[in-house]
Each structure stands twice: as C-alpha cells, then as structure tokens.
C-alpha cells in the first residue's frame, strides 16, 4: 500500500454518511460503502501533484473544519498537463442562506480573503474560487469569486455564472449551464449541435460524447466565454477509469484509482471536458473530476 495512502485513512465513509454529487444532490450508492474511501481521497491524491501542496492541504482541512464534512465540492482539473483546483459551496436557500461568501471568510479566521463586491441581496445558490500556488503564497488572497444564480423560465434545470473581483469593473458573465437527464439523448445532441462552431455535427458528437460515459445519470452542458463543456454525472468507478485514460491523466493518479477500485466502487463520480473547435478540429482544453469533501 503506498505510503501516501495514510493521508486518506481518516477519509473513510461511516454509517449514515450521505452520498452527494457535485450539486450536493443525494444519490443511491452503487454498493454499500461503509468503511470504504470517501470521494475526497481523489482530491488529496491530486493535491500531492500540485505546487504548494502542503499549504493547499491545510486550506482544505481548514474549510472542512469551518463548514463541516460533505458541505463543499472540489474540482480537480487538468489544464495543459498540470493540476488545477477549484472549490465550490452551495446553499440553495439563496437570500436566506447560511453559507455565504462573507461567512465562509469569517469562519476561516483570515486563512482566505475573498472579494467583498458580492452583495448578499444577490440570490446566488453557489459560489466558487480557485485554490492554487498563487493563493497559497499570497496569504490566501482570492482575486475572483464565481457566483451562480438561477435561470428562471428555462425549460431545463439551468444556471448562470458571473465572476466578481474587487476591481471597479462590473461582474463578468462567465458561463451558462443546462442540465439534462442522461437518457434524453435527443435534447443533449441538439444542444451540443446548436453551436457557433461550424463543422461536422456528427464528428463533434462522436468526439465529445464518449460512448462509454453516456450511460450516466445526468449530462450538463455549459457554454463558456472561450469554450464549451460536457459534464457526465453519476458514472461508476469503471467509467471513471475510462475517463482517466481518455483524457490521459497522470500515471500515478490512474494507478491509485485502479489499485483502490474495490474501495471506490460504491461511489458515483462527476467528470467534465472543456473543448473548442478550430477549423473543424475538436480540441480538449481542460478536464475535471468533481466530488464532495
């Protein structure tokens, strides 16, 4: 058993622990998970490959202590062969929320400093920010916080994201999300093909909708400023392994998942790929794995 596995011993599931996806929606586990690994084991495995790993690990532990277990979501992402990390916080009570940006900052007692430009009157249900070497070495200063609001009138579950900083400029529109049942193949394909990218629609669908990942619970499609994204939610550990090979994750991370598959087979996983199309060529520019911690 690898030495670094000691970090994850305390991240075992106990009787009564919830099973939550990247939206903090409950799901039924694939099999009984008591005593097996929590989704956070993947987070700590990825952090080992990031600059300022020890400081990032301390910040994550501080967040867990401040808001509690299973209240936060991580996104461990691969961009240009490096790891990135984003953390997300939900409170669907919106204006009457308990977990707000200011309250998170206060509960961390100076560990992080977030932008103060987000009014508490905004009916946001989620916010997120990046954790990286720059944050770790700048005294916990977060330059931008991403704020998510609903999209009333949409025919499917949907959300809009804006980026806030402490600069005098207004908040910047960042992306629009739409959620579909994984079984709604027609609507998913129509949404992907309703695109400003010219080219062969069938080639686009075959490239971004990996056939082995399509049998998932939910597919979320996002239109971002510089790319589009497909999120596959509720996949099994075997499908996760397929995703890791498809997106060429680091060998040590792939080995960790494969070698501990029996301790990870109870969970469902959420993954995503960002892509752009240039001259009919579909290129993946980012991918990510999401889970609760």
Protein backbone atom coordinates (compact mmCIF):
# COMPACT_ATOMS: atom_id res chain seq x y z
CA UNK A 1 0.00 0.00 0.00
CA UNK A 2 1.55 3.37 -0.99
CA UNK A 3 2.87 5.47 1.89
CA UNK A 4 0.76 8.49 0.87
CA UNK A 5 -2.38 6.42 1.43
CA UNK A 6 -2.05 7.20 5.16
CA UNK A 7 -3.45 10.67 4.38
CA UNK A 8 -6.75 9.10 3.37
CA UNK A 9 -7.31 6.70 6.26
CA UNK A 10 -9.48 9.25 8.08
CA UNK A 11 -11.46 9.83 4.87
CA UNK A 12 -13.42 6.59 5.27
CA UNK A 13 -17.20 6.51 5.00
CA UNK A 14 -19.13 5.85 8.19
CA UNK A 15 -22.63 4.54 8.67
CA UNK A 16 -25.10 7.33 7.94
CA UNK A 17 -22.73 9.45 5.84
CA UNK A 18 -24.50 10.98 2.84
CA UNK A 19 -23.86 10.22 -0.82
CA UNK A 20 -23.87 13.53 -2.69
CA UNK A 21 -22.91 14.54 -6.21
CA UNK A 22 -21.23 17.73 -7.37
CA UNK A 23 -24.50 19.67 -6.96
CA UNK A 24 -24.93 18.28 -3.42
CA UNK A 25 -27.87 16.24 -4.71
CA UNK A 26 -28.28 12.87 -3.00
CA UNK A 27 -27.85 9.65 -4.92
CA UNK A 28 -28.10 5.94 -4.15
CA UNK A 29 -24.65 4.32 -3.87
CA UNK A 30 -23.66 1.59 -6.30
CA UNK A 31 -22.97 -0.74 -3.36
CA UNK A 32 -22.51 -0.49 0.38
CA UNK A 33 -19.68 1.90 1.16
CA UNK A 34 -19.24 1.76 4.91
CA UNK A 35 -15.52 1.65 5.68
CA UNK A 36 -14.56 2.45 2.10
CA UNK A 37 -12.96 5.62 0.77
CA UNK A 38 -14.73 8.94 0.51
CA UNK A 39 -14.67 10.97 -2.71
CA UNK A 40 -12.20 13.32 -1.04
CA UNK A 41 -9.48 10.67 -1.40
CA UNK A 42 -9.15 11.69 -5.07
CA UNK A 43 -8.78 15.33 -4.04
CA UNK A 44 -5.86 14.62 -1.71
CA UNK A 45 -4.25 12.33 -4.24
CA UNK A 46 -4.32 15.13 -6.83
CA UNK A 47 -3.08 17.79 -4.39
CA UNK A 48 0.14 15.78 -3.99
CA UNK A 49 0.99 16.72 -7.59
CA UNK A 50 0.31 20.45 -7.16
CA UNK A 51 2.78 23.21 -6.25
CA UNK A 52 2.45 24.34 -2.62
CA UNK A 53 0.72 21.02 -1.89
CA UNK A 54 1.11 21.17 1.90
CA UNK A 55 -0.38 24.66 2.12
CA UNK A 56 -3.31 23.69 -0.13
CA UNK A 57 -3.93 20.62 2.02
CA UNK A 58 -4.02 22.85 5.13
CA UNK A 59 -6.55 25.18 3.49
CA UNK A 60 -8.78 22.25 2.53
CA UNK A 61 -8.62 20.90 6.09
CA UNK A 62 -9.47 24.39 7.36
CA UNK A 63 -12.53 24.53 5.10
CA UNK A 64 -13.67 21.13 6.33
CA UNK A 65 -13.31 22.26 9.92
CA UNK A 66 -15.14 25.53 9.26
CA UNK A 67 -18.19 24.31 7.33
CA UNK A 68 -18.28 20.60 8.13
CA UNK A 69 -17.88 17.41 6.13
CA UNK A 70 -19.86 16.88 2.93
CA UNK A 71 -20.68 20.61 2.64
CA UNK A 72 -18.11 21.53 -0.01
CA UNK A 73 -17.28 20.34 -3.52
CA UNK A 74 -13.88 20.13 -5.19
CA UNK A 75 -12.96 20.20 -8.84
CA UNK A 76 -9.53 18.73 -9.63
CA UNK A 77 -8.71 19.70 -13.18
CA UNK A 78 -6.09 19.03 -15.81
CA UNK A 79 -5.08 22.03 -17.91
CA UNK A 80 -2.03 21.87 -20.18
CA UNK A 81 -0.64 18.86 -18.29
CA UNK A 82 -0.88 20.49 -14.87
CA UNK A 83 -3.29 20.22 -11.95
CA UNK A 84 -5.73 23.00 -11.05
CA UNK A 85 -8.12 23.06 -8.11
CA UNK A 86 -11.43 24.85 -7.65
CA UNK A 87 -13.73 24.61 -4.62
CA UNK A 88 -17.50 25.14 -4.63
CA UNK A 89 -20.00 25.98 -1.88
CA UNK A 90 -23.77 25.53 -2.14
CA UNK A 91 -26.69 26.92 -0.20
CA UNK A 92 -29.95 26.60 -2.07
CA UNK A 93 -31.73 28.94 0.37
CA UNK A 94 -30.34 31.84 -1.66
CA UNK A 95 -31.12 35.17 0.12
CA UNK A 96 -31.71 33.34 3.42
CA UNK A 97 -28.55 31.30 3.00
CA UNK A 98 -26.44 30.22 5.94
CA UNK A 99 -23.23 29.59 3.98
CA UNK A 100 -22.36 32.90 2.32
CA UNK A 101 -19.10 34.25 0.95
CA UNK A 102 -18.61 36.56 3.92
CA UNK A 103 -19.49 33.90 6.47
CA UNK A 104 -17.05 31.45 4.92
CA UNK A 105 -14.29 34.05 5.10
CA UNK A 106 -15.14 34.85 8.72
CA UNK A 107 -15.21 31.18 9.70
CA UNK A 108 -11.73 30.67 8.25
CA UNK A 109 -10.32 33.35 10.55
CA UNK A 110 -8.11 35.04 7.99
CA UNK A 111 -6.96 31.93 6.12
CA UNK A 112 -8.57 33.28 2.92
CA UNK A 113 -9.53 36.78 1.80
CA UNK A 114 -12.31 36.86 -0.82
CA UNK A 115 -13.63 39.75 -2.92
CA UNK A 116 -16.09 41.92 -0.98
CA UNK A 117 -18.05 43.11 -4.03
CA UNK A 118 -20.77 40.41 -3.94
CA UNK A 119 -23.96 41.78 -2.41
CA UNK A 120 -25.78 39.42 -0.06
CA UNK A 121 -29.00 40.52 -1.78
CA UNK A 122 -27.97 38.59 -4.89
CA UNK A 123 -29.96 35.31 -4.95
CA UNK A 124 -26.93 33.13 -5.55
CA UNK A 125 -27.09 29.46 -4.64
CA UNK A 126 -23.42 28.65 -5.15
CA UNK A 127 -20.03 30.32 -5.25
CA UNK A 128 -16.58 29.02 -6.08
CA UNK A 129 -12.96 30.06 -6.37
CA UNK A 130 -9.62 28.67 -7.45
CA UNK A 131 -7.05 27.38 -4.99
CA UNK A 132 -3.54 27.33 -6.41
CA UNK A 133 0.08 28.19 -5.72
CA UNK A 134 -0.62 31.89 -6.17
CA UNK A 135 -3.28 31.82 -3.45
CA UNK A 136 -1.07 29.71 -1.19
CA UNK A 137 1.87 32.12 -1.47
CA UNK A 138 -0.18 35.35 -1.37
CA UNK A 139 -1.53 34.93 2.12
CA UNK A 140 -4.76 33.34 0.95
CA UNK A 141 -5.83 36.24 -1.27
CA UNK A 142 -8.55 35.19 -3.75
CA UNK A 143 -8.70 37.56 -6.73
CA UNK A 144 -12.00 36.34 -8.20
CA UNK A 145 -15.06 34.54 -6.88
CA UNK A 146 -17.52 32.86 -9.25
CA UNK A 147 -21.17 33.37 -8.31
CA UNK A 148 -24.00 31.20 -9.63
CA UNK A 149 -27.64 32.26 -9.92
CA UNK A 150 -30.71 30.54 -11.32
CA UNK A 151 -32.20 30.95 -14.77
CA UNK A 152 -35.99 31.34 -14.34
CA UNK A 153 -38.02 30.43 -17.42
CA UNK A 154 -35.57 27.83 -18.70
CA UNK A 155 -37.19 24.60 -19.85
CA UNK A 156 -34.49 22.53 -18.10
CA UNK A 157 -32.57 22.94 -14.84
CA UNK A 158 -30.18 25.78 -15.57
CA UNK A 159 -27.79 28.28 -14.00
CA UNK A 160 -25.69 31.31 -14.89
CA UNK A 161 -22.25 32.20 -13.54
CA UNK A 162 -20.65 35.64 -13.07
CA UNK A 163 -17.14 36.48 -11.93
CA UNK A 164 -16.67 39.11 -9.18
CA UNK A 165 -13.45 40.88 -8.21
CA UNK A 166 -12.70 43.96 -6.12
CA UNK A 167 -11.80 45.93 -9.24
CA UNK A 168 -14.14 48.77 -10.28
CA UNK A 169 -15.35 46.87 -13.36
CA UNK A 170 -18.81 45.25 -13.19
CA UNK A 171 -19.13 41.48 -12.74
CA UNK A 172 -18.26 39.48 -15.84
CA UNK A 173 -20.56 36.91 -17.41
CA UNK A 174 -18.70 33.59 -17.45
CA UNK A 175 -20.97 30.72 -18.43
CA UNK A 176 -24.45 29.23 -18.79
CA UNK A 177 -25.25 25.68 -17.61
CA UNK A 178 -28.10 23.41 -18.68
CA UNK A 179 -28.83 20.01 -17.09
CA UNK A 180 -30.37 17.07 -18.95
CA UNK A 181 -31.32 13.55 -17.99
CA UNK A 182 -28.67 11.20 -19.32
CA UNK A 183 -31.45 9.36 -21.15
CA UNK A 184 -32.53 12.48 -23.08
CA UNK A 185 -30.17 11.75 -25.94
CA UNK A 186 -32.02 13.88 -28.49
CA UNK A 187 -32.06 17.07 -26.40
CA UNK A 188 -28.41 16.63 -25.44
CA UNK A 189 -27.33 16.25 -29.05
CA UNK A 190 -29.49 19.16 -30.19
CA UNK A 191 -27.96 21.42 -27.53
CA UNK A 192 -24.39 20.48 -28.43
CA UNK A 193 -25.02 20.98 -32.14
CA UNK A 194 -26.70 24.36 -31.56
CA UNK A 195 -23.28 25.95 -31.68
CA UNK A 196 -21.34 28.82 -33.20
CA UNK A 197 -18.68 26.29 -34.18
CA UNK A 198 -19.03 25.25 -37.83
CA UNK A 199 -18.14 21.78 -38.98
CA UNK A 200 -19.47 18.24 -38.98
CA UNK A 201 -22.09 17.83 -36.20
CA UNK A 202 -21.74 14.06 -36.12
CA UNK A 203 -17.98 14.28 -35.74
CA UNK A 204 -18.46 16.76 -32.89
CA UNK A 205 -20.92 14.48 -31.10
CA UNK A 206 -18.73 11.41 -31.50
CA UNK A 207 -15.74 13.29 -30.12
CA UNK A 208 -17.24 14.94 -27.03
CA UNK A 209 -19.93 12.38 -26.08
CA UNK A 210 -17.75 9.42 -25.20
CA UNK A 211 -19.93 6.38 -25.79
CA UNK A 212 -18.87 4.61 -22.59
CA UNK A 213 -19.71 7.68 -20.48
CA UNK A 214 -23.12 8.43 -21.96
CA UNK A 215 -24.87 5.90 -19.74
CA UNK A 216 -24.79 8.27 -16.77
CA UNK A 217 -27.47 9.86 -14.63
CA UNK A 218 -27.19 13.47 -15.77
CA UNK A 219 -25.39 15.36 -18.51
CA UNK A 220 -24.75 19.06 -18.02
CA UNK A 221 -23.80 21.25 -20.99
CA UNK A 222 -22.12 24.61 -20.46
CA UNK A 223 -21.48 27.48 -22.82
CA UNK A 224 -18.46 29.40 -21.57
CA UNK A 225 -16.73 32.50 -22.86
CA UNK A 226 -13.92 30.62 -24.60
CA UNK A 227 -15.09 27.00 -24.71
CA UNK A 228 -17.97 24.59 -24.27
CA UNK A 229 -18.20 21.84 -21.67
CA UNK A 230 -19.82 18.45 -21.27
CA UNK A 231 -20.23 17.11 -17.72
CA UNK A 232 -21.06 13.43 -17.18
CA UNK A 233 -22.64 12.99 -13.74
CA UNK A 234 -23.23 9.75 -11.86
CA UNK A 235 -20.70 7.50 -13.57
CA UNK A 236 -19.26 4.35 -11.97
CA UNK A 237 -15.64 3.74 -11.00
CA UNK A 238 -15.17 1.66 -14.17
CA UNK A 239 -16.40 4.60 -16.23
CA UNK A 240 -14.09 6.87 -14.24
CA UNK A 241 -11.16 4.68 -15.27
CA UNK A 242 -12.30 5.03 -18.89
CA UNK A 243 -12.39 8.81 -18.47
CA UNK A 244 -8.88 8.90 -16.97
CA UNK A 245 -7.42 7.02 -19.93
CA UNK A 246 -9.45 9.04 -22.45
CA UNK A 247 -8.15 12.33 -21.04
CA UNK A 248 -4.65 11.00 -20.31
CA UNK A 249 -4.43 11.63 -16.59
CA UNK A 250 -1.06 11.23 -14.83
CA UNK A 251 0.04 7.65 -14.41
CA UNK A 252 0.30 7.82 -10.61
CA UNK A 253 -3.28 9.10 -10.35
CA UNK A 254 -4.60 6.43 -12.71
CA UNK A 255 -2.70 3.77 -10.77
CA UNK A 256 -4.19 5.00 -7.49
CA UNK A 257 -7.75 4.67 -8.83
CA UNK A 258 -7.10 1.27 -10.42
CA UNK A 259 -5.35 -0.21 -7.39
CA UNK A 260 -8.06 1.01 -4.99
CA UNK A 261 -11.02 0.28 -7.23
CA UNK A 262 -12.56 -2.04 -4.62
CA UNK A 263 -12.51 0.85 -2.11
CA UNK A 264 -14.01 3.29 -4.64
CA UNK A 265 -16.68 1.15 -6.31
CA UNK A 266 -19.54 2.35 -4.08
CA UNK A 267 -19.37 5.96 -5.28
CA UNK A 268 -20.69 7.69 -8.36
CA UNK A 269 -18.43 10.26 -9.98
CA UNK A 270 -18.86 13.51 -11.89
CA UNK A 271 -16.43 14.44 -14.64
CA UNK A 272 -16.25 17.03 -17.39
CA UNK A 273 -14.37 18.06 -20.53
CA UNK A 274 -13.94 21.55 -21.98
CA UNK A 275 -13.48 21.75 -25.73
CA UNK A 276 -13.05 24.20 -28.57
CA UNK A 277 -13.45 23.72 -32.30
CA UNK A 278 -10.96 25.28 -34.69
CA UNK A 279 -11.14 24.63 -38.42
CA UNK A 280 -13.29 21.55 -37.85
CA UNK A 281 -10.78 20.20 -35.33
CA UNK A 282 -12.21 19.45 -31.86
CA UNK A 283 -9.62 20.04 -29.15
CA UNK A 284 -9.96 19.31 -25.45
CA UNK A 285 -8.53 22.20 -23.41
CA UNK A 286 -9.45 21.12 -19.89
CA UNK A 287 -10.95 18.21 -17.99
CA UNK A 288 -12.01 17.72 -14.40
CA UNK A 289 -13.22 15.36 -11.69
CA UNK A 290 -15.65 16.61 -9.04
CA UNK A 291 -16.62 15.35 -5.61
CA UNK A 292 -17.59 16.32 -2.07
CA UNK A 293 -15.23 16.82 0.84
